[in-house]
Protein backbone atom coordinates (compact mmCIF):
# COMPACT_ATOMS: atom_id res chain seq x y z
CA GLU A 1 69.71 105.86 96.74
CA ASN A 2 70.81 107.23 93.36
CA ILE A 3 67.57 109.17 93.00
CA CYS A 4 68.14 110.74 96.42
CA TYR A 5 71.66 111.78 95.49
CA LYS A 6 70.47 113.26 92.20
CA LEU A 7 67.77 115.21 94.02
CA LEU A 8 70.31 116.52 96.51
CA LEU A 9 72.70 117.60 93.78
CA HIS A 10 70.25 119.03 91.27
CA GLN A 11 67.43 120.41 93.41
CA GLN A 12 69.32 121.49 96.55
CA PRO A 13 66.31 120.82 98.80
CA VAL A 14 65.77 122.54 102.14
CA ALA A 15 63.68 122.00 105.27
CA GLY A 16 61.04 119.27 104.89
CA ASP A 17 62.23 118.17 101.47
CA LEU A 18 65.78 117.75 102.76
CA ARG A 19 64.50 115.78 105.76
CA LEU A 20 62.49 113.53 103.45
CA ILE A 21 65.46 112.78 101.20
CA THR A 22 67.83 112.28 104.14
CA ALA A 23 65.37 109.89 105.78
CA ALA A 24 64.94 107.98 102.53
CA LEU A 25 68.72 107.56 102.24
CA LYS A 26 68.89 106.17 105.77
CA MET A 27 65.93 103.86 105.15
CA VAL A 28 67.59 102.42 102.06
CA SER A 29 70.47 101.21 104.24
CA ASP A 30 68.10 99.57 106.69
CA MET A 31 66.15 97.93 103.86
CA GLU A 32 69.37 96.58 102.39
CA ARG A 33 70.28 95.04 105.77
CA ILE A 34 66.78 93.56 106.03
CA GLY A 35 67.26 91.97 102.62
CA ASP A 36 70.64 90.55 103.64
CA GLN A 37 69.21 89.08 106.83
CA ALA A 38 66.21 87.63 104.99
CA ALA A 39 68.63 85.93 102.59
CA ASP A 40 70.59 84.53 105.55
CA ILE A 41 67.36 83.19 107.08
CA SER A 42 66.52 81.55 103.76
CA GLU A 43 69.93 79.87 103.53
CA LEU A 44 69.66 78.52 107.07
CA THR A 45 66.10 77.33 106.48
CA ILE A 46 67.15 75.44 103.37
CA SER A 47 70.06 73.79 105.17
CA MET A 48 67.83 72.78 108.12
CA ALA A 49 65.10 71.36 105.86
CA GLN A 50 66.94 68.02 105.66
CA LYS A 51 66.06 67.01 109.23
CA PRO A 52 63.09 67.38 111.57
CA TYR A 53 63.21 70.46 113.73
CA ILE A 54 64.47 69.91 117.28
CA LYS A 55 61.90 72.27 118.76
CA ASN A 56 58.52 73.77 118.11
CA LEU A 57 58.96 76.86 115.92
CA GLU A 58 55.96 78.74 117.34
CA HIS A 59 58.03 81.60 118.79
CA ILE A 60 60.18 81.95 115.68
CA ARG A 61 57.03 82.03 113.53
CA SER A 62 55.66 84.75 115.81
CA MET A 63 58.90 86.70 115.41
CA ALA A 64 58.60 86.40 111.63
CA LYS A 65 55.00 87.63 111.70
CA GLU A 66 55.76 90.57 114.00
CA THR A 67 58.80 91.68 111.99
CA MET A 68 56.84 91.50 108.74
CA ILE A 69 54.16 93.72 110.27
CA MET A 70 56.85 96.14 111.46
CA VAL A 71 58.55 96.38 108.07
CA ILE A 72 55.30 96.73 106.12
CA ASP A 73 53.80 99.29 108.52
CA SER A 74 56.93 101.41 108.70
CA LEU A 75 57.31 101.52 104.91
CA GLN A 76 53.60 102.23 104.47
CA ALA A 77 53.90 105.02 107.02
CA PHE A 78 56.63 106.57 104.88
CA VAL A 79 54.59 106.28 101.69
CA ASP A 80 51.44 107.66 103.36
CA ARG A 81 53.31 110.21 105.53
CA ASP A 82 51.38 108.70 108.44
CA LEU A 83 52.80 109.02 111.96
CA ASP A 84 50.25 106.57 113.35
CA ASN A 85 51.64 103.73 111.21
CA ALA A 86 55.25 104.43 112.22
CA VAL A 87 54.92 101.79 114.94
CA ILE A 88 57.87 101.14 117.21
CA ALA A 89 56.07 99.20 119.98
CA HIS A 90 56.27 95.88 118.11
CA ASP A 91 60.04 95.90 118.69
CA ASP A 92 59.53 95.06 122.37
CA VAL A 93 57.39 92.07 121.36
CA VAL A 94 60.11 90.82 118.99
CA ASP A 95 62.82 91.37 121.61
CA ASP A 96 60.81 89.41 124.19
CA LEU A 97 60.25 86.58 121.71
CA PHE A 98 63.97 86.52 120.95
CA MET A 99 64.79 86.14 124.64
CA THR A 100 62.28 83.28 124.87
CA VAL A 101 63.81 81.50 121.87
CA LYS A 102 67.32 82.12 123.15
CA ASN A 103 66.49 80.61 126.55
CA GLU A 104 64.82 77.61 124.93
CA ILE A 105 67.84 77.01 122.74
CA ILE A 106 70.27 77.34 125.64
CA GLU A 107 68.27 74.64 127.41
CA ILE A 108 68.36 72.40 124.32
CA ILE A 109 72.12 72.80 123.93
CA HIS A 110 72.62 72.11 127.64
CA ASN A 111 70.40 69.00 127.69
CA ARG A 112 70.97 67.66 124.17
CA PRO A 113 74.44 68.64 122.93
CA ASP A 114 74.02 66.44 119.83
CA ASP A 115 71.36 68.89 118.60
CA GLY A 116 73.75 71.82 118.98
CA ASP A 117 74.22 72.44 115.25
CA GLN A 118 70.53 72.93 114.53
CA ALA A 119 70.03 74.76 117.82
CA THR A 120 72.71 77.25 116.79
CA ASP A 121 71.12 77.68 113.36
CA LEU A 122 67.72 78.32 114.97
CA LEU A 123 69.29 80.85 117.30
CA MET A 124 70.81 82.60 114.27
CA VAL A 125 67.40 82.70 112.54
CA ALA A 126 65.86 84.21 115.67
CA LYS A 127 68.68 86.76 115.90
CA TYR A 128 68.20 87.74 112.25
CA PHE A 129 64.49 88.32 112.91
CA GLU A 130 65.38 90.38 115.97
CA ARG A 131 67.74 92.49 113.84
CA ILE A 132 65.08 92.90 111.13
CA GLY A 133 62.80 94.26 113.84
CA ASP A 134 65.52 96.72 114.85
CA HIS A 135 65.90 97.86 111.24
CA ALA A 136 62.12 98.28 110.91
CA THR A 137 62.22 100.38 114.08
CA ASN A 138 64.96 102.51 112.53
CA ILE A 139 62.80 103.00 109.45
CA ALA A 140 59.86 104.06 111.63
CA GLU A 141 62.11 106.51 113.46
CA TRP A 142 63.24 107.98 110.13
CA VAL A 143 59.61 108.30 109.08
CA ILE A 144 58.91 110.27 112.24
CA PHE A 145 61.97 112.45 111.58
CA SER A 146 60.96 113.07 107.96
CA ILE A 147 57.52 114.27 109.07
CA THR A 148 58.24 116.09 112.35
CA GLY A 149 61.95 116.92 112.18
CA GLU A 150 62.40 115.26 115.58
CA ARG A 151 64.64 112.25 116.11
């Protein structure tokens, strides 16, 4: 972020260079949010480690995998200036997985209210992954903007 501000102040970039710096500034915000949400996931995971999980974590694991692919690909697309790697389609997969997890957790809370605490924590983990996917999508959109000028 500081490097971007210094470039703006000292170099006074225009056109493509200005788009690149502006996009980088926006991406930094998204990356910071991703870091915050990853930390929140870690805290919840540590607190839940004391008991067996109340449900199979297959869908949450899939969300984690898909969001990691999204973050890595979008950042690599920025580094490589590669539109093909600025993938946004994975976001629909993550959103669908979130809805699946949400529905499963609603059923657990309805049928087994004593498991409500862990169910809520698992729902939060799923929501954090869904948000990470949204931030990765934002990064991909900024990559596209930095290359094409279109948002």
